[in-house]
């Protein structure tokens, strides 16, 4: 093999490695930016209402209305109460948080919904956008409803839609 052939092969190899590296980097930034972790709400035939403890720090405008919509679709009303309200031993309550981040426009980057019965945590759903500004996926700018639907679907999977009879 001549020196010229060896040099050309090395250049092609480096170019291929660079292309592969850029493709891998792009896949890293476009995929795997979100994480959804859910522990579903155990079934309780008597569950018709949950106290929603207000979190004034949440400035994501449609976060609570979207949550109310999904719970209502499963026949569970959310009763908004002050964050200082107490949850009785046989009552359910929700504590939640949601954060916005900015990259040109605001987007939901973190959210959690924790459901308690009395003081005991019985279910929770978490949404997390890893990478924040570095995540180049166009999905990061989707609305709250699109991002939280998988969380609520899994969280409430043991509760049939409101029109169906509960077991």
C-alpha atoms as a PDB file:
ATOM      1  CA  UNK A   1       0.000   0.000   0.000  1.00  0.00           C
ATOM      2  CA  UNK A   2       1.440   3.357  -0.977  1.00  0.00           C
ATOM      3  CA  UNK A   3       1.634   6.326   1.336  1.00  0.00           C
ATOM      4  CA  UNK A   4      -0.945   8.242  -0.751  1.00  0.00           C
ATOM      5  CA  UNK A   5      -3.454   5.358  -0.533  1.00  0.00           C
ATOM      6  CA  UNK A   6      -2.831   5.088   3.219  1.00  0.00           C
ATOM      7  CA  UNK A   7      -3.432   8.836   3.699  1.00  0.00           C
ATOM      8  CA  UNK A   8      -6.645   8.755   1.623  1.00  0.00           C
ATOM      9  CA  UNK A   9      -7.969   5.802   3.634  1.00  0.00           C
ATOM     10  CA  UNK A  10      -7.145   7.589   6.896  1.00  0.00           C
ATOM     11  CA  UNK A  11      -8.972  10.730   5.717  1.00  0.00           C
ATOM     12  CA  UNK A  12     -12.050   8.696   4.744  1.00  0.00           C
ATOM     13  CA  UNK A  13     -11.950   6.942   8.125  1.00  0.00           C
ATOM     14  CA  UNK A  14     -11.748  10.235  10.018  1.00  0.00           C
ATOM     15  CA  UNK A  15     -14.581  11.689   7.923  1.00  0.00           C
ATOM     16  CA  UNK A  16     -16.734   8.623   8.574  1.00  0.00           C
ATOM     17  CA  UNK A  17     -15.943   8.777  12.298  1.00  0.00           C
ATOM     18  CA  UNK A  18     -16.841  12.496  12.400  1.00  0.00           C
ATOM     19  CA  UNK A  19     -20.118  11.883  10.570  1.00  0.00           C
ATOM     20  CA  UNK A  20     -20.966   9.021  12.897  1.00  0.00           C
ATOM     21  CA  UNK A  21     -20.073  11.165  15.920  1.00  0.00           C
ATOM     22  CA  UNK A  22     -22.281  14.040  14.747  1.00  0.00           C
ATOM     23  CA  UNK A  23     -25.151  11.634  14.085  1.00  0.00           C
ATOM     24  CA  UNK A  24     -24.765  10.125  17.551  1.00  0.00           C
ATOM     25  CA  UNK A  25     -24.653  13.598  19.123  1.00  0.00           C
ATOM     26  CA  UNK A  26     -27.786  14.675  17.241  1.00  0.00           C
ATOM     27  CA  UNK A  27     -29.608  11.531  18.354  1.00  0.00           C
ATOM     28  CA  UNK A  28     -28.565  12.239  21.943  1.00  0.00           C
ATOM     29  CA  UNK A  29     -29.994  15.756  21.837  1.00  0.00           C
ATOM     30  CA  UNK A  30     -33.162  14.868  19.943  1.00  0.00           C
ATOM     31  CA  UNK A  31     -34.108  11.717  21.806  1.00  0.00           C
ATOM     32  CA  UNK A  32     -34.273  10.920  25.468  1.00  0.00           C
ATOM     33  CA  UNK A  33     -34.852  14.481  26.571  1.00  0.00           C
ATOM     34  CA  UNK A  34     -37.897  13.634  28.677  1.00  0.00           C
ATOM     35  CA  UNK A  35     -38.417  11.365  31.621  1.00  0.00           C
ATOM     36  CA  UNK A  36     -41.813  10.270  32.939  1.00  0.00           C
ATOM     37  CA  UNK A  37     -41.965   8.260  36.166  1.00  0.00           C
ATOM     38  CA  UNK A  38     -45.325   7.296  37.650  1.00  0.00           C
ATOM     39  CA  UNK A  39     -46.583   5.249  40.585  1.00  0.00           C
ATOM     40  CA  UNK A  40     -50.344   4.815  39.849  1.00  0.00           C
ATOM     41  CA  UNK A  41     -53.132   5.729  42.239  1.00  0.00           C
ATOM     42  CA  UNK A  42     -54.484   2.557  43.915  1.00  0.00           C
ATOM     43  CA  UNK A  43     -58.156   1.913  43.222  1.00  0.00           C
ATOM     44  CA  UNK A  44     -60.642   3.144  45.827  1.00  0.00           C
ATOM     45  CA  UNK A  45     -64.329   2.734  44.929  1.00  0.00           C
ATOM     46  CA  UNK A  46     -65.238   5.618  47.275  1.00  0.00           C
ATOM     47  CA  UNK A  47     -62.845   8.135  45.732  1.00  0.00           C
ATOM     48  CA  UNK A  48     -64.949  10.891  44.190  1.00  0.00           C
ATOM     49  CA  UNK A  49     -63.076  14.023  45.274  1.00  0.00           C
ATOM     50  CA  UNK A  50     -59.512  15.056  46.032  1.00  0.00           C
ATOM     51  CA  UNK A  51     -58.372  18.252  47.736  1.00  0.00           C
ATOM     52  CA  UNK A  52     -56.019  20.172  45.453  1.00  0.00           C
ATOM     53  CA  UNK A  53     -53.666  22.138  47.695  1.00  0.00           C
ATOM     54  CA  UNK A  54     -52.937  25.387  45.872  1.00  0.00           C
ATOM     55  CA  UNK A  55     -49.286  26.069  45.042  1.00  0.00           C
ATOM     56  CA  UNK A  56     -48.970  29.809  44.351  1.00  0.00           C
ATOM     57  CA  UNK A  57     -45.364  29.343  43.179  1.00  0.00           C
ATOM     58  CA  UNK A  58     -46.585  27.551  40.026  1.00  0.00           C
ATOM     59  CA  UNK A  59     -46.812  30.103  37.222  1.00  0.00           C
ATOM     60  CA  UNK A  60     -47.570  27.644  34.409  1.00  0.00           C
ATOM     61  CA  UNK A  61     -51.022  29.025  33.553  1.00  0.00           C
ATOM     62  CA  UNK A  62     -52.744  25.895  32.273  1.00  0.00           C
ATOM     63  CA  UNK A  63     -51.159  23.329  34.605  1.00  0.00           C
ATOM     64  CA  UNK A  64     -54.043  23.105  37.108  1.00  0.00           C
ATOM     65  CA  UNK A  65     -56.869  23.267  34.509  1.00  0.00           C
ATOM     66  CA  UNK A  66     -55.228  20.393  32.573  1.00  0.00           C
ATOM     67  CA  UNK A  67     -54.929  18.375  35.797  1.00  0.00           C
ATOM     68  CA  UNK A  68     -58.581  19.048  36.637  1.00  0.00           C
ATOM     69  CA  UNK A  69     -59.634  17.949  33.146  1.00  0.00           C
ATOM     70  CA  UNK A  70     -57.886  14.573  33.349  1.00  0.00           C
ATOM     71  CA  UNK A  71     -59.140  13.784  36.845  1.00  0.00           C
ATOM     72  CA  UNK A  72     -62.715  14.741  35.834  1.00  0.00           C
ATOM     73  CA  UNK A  73     -62.438  12.398  32.842  1.00  0.00           C
ATOM     74  CA  UNK A  74     -61.977   9.604  35.396  1.00  0.00           C
ATOM     75  CA  UNK A  75     -64.844  10.727  37.612  1.00  0.00           C
ATOM     76  CA  UNK A  76     -62.710  12.419  40.259  1.00  0.00           C
ATOM     77  CA  UNK A  77     -63.390  16.062  41.142  1.00  0.00           C
ATOM     78  CA  UNK A  78     -60.557  18.275  42.332  1.00  0.00           C
ATOM     79  CA  UNK A  79     -61.543  20.709  45.067  1.00  0.00           C
ATOM     80  CA  UNK A  80     -59.119  23.655  45.170  1.00  0.00           C
ATOM     81  CA  UNK A  81     -58.138  24.557  48.730  1.00  0.00           C
ATOM     82  CA  UNK A  82     -55.420  26.792  50.242  1.00  0.00           C
ATOM     83  CA  UNK A  83     -51.960  25.221  50.511  1.00  0.00           C
ATOM     84  CA  UNK A  84     -52.225  25.338  54.306  1.00  0.00           C
ATOM     85  CA  UNK A  85     -55.393  23.187  54.371  1.00  0.00           C
ATOM     86  CA  UNK A  86     -55.137  19.927  56.248  1.00  0.00           C
ATOM     87  CA  UNK A  87     -55.910  16.523  54.767  1.00  0.00           C
ATOM     88  CA  UNK A  88     -57.993  14.282  57.041  1.00  0.00           C
ATOM     89  CA  UNK A  89     -56.910  10.694  57.686  1.00  0.00           C
ATOM     90  CA  UNK A  90     -59.452   9.323  55.170  1.00  0.00           C
ATOM     91  CA  UNK A  91     -59.231  12.197  52.692  1.00  0.00           C
ATOM     92  CA  UNK A  92     -57.130  12.469  49.580  1.00  0.00           C
ATOM     93  CA  UNK A  93     -55.039  15.495  48.741  1.00  0.00           C
ATOM     94  CA  UNK A  94     -52.737  16.569  45.914  1.00  0.00           C
ATOM     95  CA  UNK A  95     -49.534  18.542  46.229  1.00  0.00           C
ATOM     96  CA  UNK A  96     -47.996  19.602  42.943  1.00  0.00           C
ATOM     97  CA  UNK A  97     -45.325  21.723  41.364  1.00  0.00           C
ATOM     98  CA  UNK A  98     -44.456  22.777  37.828  1.00  0.00           C
ATOM     99  CA  UNK A  99     -41.561  24.799  36.438  1.00  0.00           C
ATOM    100  CA  UNK A 100     -41.126  26.715  33.246  1.00  0.00           C
ATOM    101  CA  UNK A 101     -37.866  27.205  31.421  1.00  0.00           C
ATOM    102  CA  UNK A 102     -37.032  29.459  28.499  1.00  0.00           C
ATOM    103  CA  UNK A 103     -35.354  28.862  25.151  1.00  0.00           C
ATOM    104  CA  UNK A 104     -36.800  31.549  22.889  1.00  0.00           C
ATOM    105  CA  UNK A 105     -40.275  30.752  24.313  1.00  0.00           C
ATOM    106  CA  UNK A 106     -41.337  29.279  27.670  1.00  0.00           C
ATOM    107  CA  UNK A 107     -41.918  25.528  28.043  1.00  0.00           C
ATOM    108  CA  UNK A 108     -42.745  23.082  30.826  1.00  0.00           C
ATOM    109  CA  UNK A 109     -39.484  21.577  32.060  1.00  0.00           C
ATOM    110  CA  UNK A 110     -40.440  19.900  35.355  1.00  0.00           C
ATOM    111  CA  UNK A 111     -43.666  18.827  37.017  1.00  0.00           C
ATOM    112  CA  UNK A 112     -44.769  16.515  39.763  1.00  0.00           C
ATOM    113  CA  UNK A 113     -48.134  15.514  41.172  1.00  0.00           C
ATOM    114  CA  UNK A 114     -48.176  13.737  44.543  1.00  0.00           C
ATOM    115  CA  UNK A 115     -51.354  12.220  45.935  1.00  0.00           C
ATOM    116  CA  UNK A 116     -51.719  11.651  49.662  1.00  0.00           C
ATOM    117  CA  UNK A 117     -54.287   9.858  51.765  1.00  0.00           C
ATOM    118  CA  UNK A 118     -54.019  11.634  55.053  1.00  0.00           C
ATOM    119  CA  UNK A 119     -50.283  12.101  55.494  1.00  0.00           C
ATOM    120  CA  UNK A 120     -49.316   8.966  53.535  1.00  0.00           C
ATOM    121  CA  UNK A 121     -48.068   9.266  49.948  1.00  0.00           C
ATOM    122  CA  UNK A 122     -50.136   6.835  47.842  1.00  0.00           C
ATOM    123  CA  UNK A 123     -49.311   7.849  44.253  1.00  0.00           C
ATOM    124  CA  UNK A 124     -47.143  10.199  42.268  1.00  0.00           C
ATOM    125  CA  UNK A 125     -46.357  11.237  38.728  1.00  0.00           C
ATOM    126  CA  UNK A 126     -43.251  13.082  37.573  1.00  0.00           C
ATOM    127  CA  UNK A 127     -42.331  14.752  34.287  1.00  0.00           C
ATOM    128  CA  UNK A 128     -38.771  15.940  33.743  1.00  0.00           C
ATOM    129  CA  UNK A 129     -37.113  17.444  30.692  1.00  0.00           C
ATOM    130  CA  UNK A 130     -33.422  16.612  30.918  1.00  0.00           C
ATOM    131  CA  UNK A 131     -30.945  18.806  29.151  1.00  0.00           C
ATOM    132  CA  UNK A 132     -33.205  21.894  29.322  1.00  0.00           C
ATOM    133  CA  UNK A 133     -31.671  24.430  26.918  1.00  0.00           C
ATOM    134  CA  UNK A 134     -29.364  21.809  25.426  1.00  0.00           C
ATOM    135  CA  UNK A 135     -32.235  19.525  24.442  1.00  0.00           C
ATOM    136  CA  UNK A 136     -32.822  20.313  20.783  1.00  0.00           C
ATOM    137  CA  UNK A 137     -35.949  18.211  20.432  1.00  0.00           C
ATOM    138  CA  UNK A 138     -38.878  20.184  19.025  1.00  0.00           C
ATOM    139  CA  UNK A 139     -41.094  18.279  21.471  1.00  0.00           C
ATOM    140  CA  UNK A 140     -39.845  20.367  24.380  1.00  0.00           C
ATOM    141  CA  UNK A 141     -42.093  23.219  23.204  1.00  0.00           C
ATOM    142  CA  UNK A 142     -45.259  21.129  23.216  1.00  0.00           C
ATOM    143  CA  UNK A 143     -48.035  22.268  25.514  1.00  0.00           C
ATOM    144  CA  UNK A 144     -48.690  21.215  29.085  1.00  0.00           C
ATOM    145  CA  UNK A 145     -51.550  18.909  28.073  1.00  0.00           C
ATOM    146  CA  UNK A 146     -49.425  16.985  25.557  1.00  0.00           C
ATOM    147  CA  UNK A 147     -46.586  16.577  28.052  1.00  0.00           C
ATOM    148  CA  UNK A 148     -48.720  15.664  31.053  1.00  0.00           C
ATOM    149  CA  UNK A 149     -51.208  13.322  29.312  1.00  0.00           C
ATOM    150  CA  UNK A 150     -48.894  10.269  29.641  1.00  0.00           C
ATOM    151  CA  UNK A 151     -48.385  11.085  33.327  1.00  0.00           C
ATOM    152  CA  UNK A 152     -52.132  11.339  34.061  1.00  0.00           C
ATOM    153  CA  UNK A 153     -52.977   8.309  31.915  1.00  0.00           C
ATOM    154  CA  UNK A 154     -50.580   6.157  33.928  1.00  0.00           C
ATOM    155  CA  UNK A 155     -51.443   7.803  37.268  1.00  0.00           C
ATOM    156  CA  UNK A 156     -55.186   7.150  36.792  1.00  0.00           C
ATOM    157  CA  UNK A 157     -55.001   3.871  34.861  1.00  0.00           C
ATOM    158  CA  UNK A 158     -56.941   1.965  37.547  1.00  0.00           C
ATOM    159  CA  UNK A 159     -59.899   4.358  37.228  1.00  0.00           C
ATOM    160  CA  UNK A 160     -62.193   3.922  34.212  1.00  0.00           C
ATOM    161  CA  UNK A 161     -63.361   6.957  32.245  1.00  0.00           C
ATOM    162  CA  UNK A 162     -66.288   8.801  33.873  1.00  0.00           C
ATOM    163  CA  UNK A 163     -68.919   7.273  31.550  1.00  0.00           C
ATOM    164  CA  UNK A 164     -67.981   3.692  32.450  1.00  0.00           C
ATOM    165  CA  UNK A 165     -69.061   1.872  35.591  1.00  0.00           C
ATOM    166  CA  UNK A 166     -66.460   1.428  38.288  1.00  0.00           C
ATOM    167  CA  UNK A 167     -65.772  -2.112  39.500  1.00  0.00           C
END
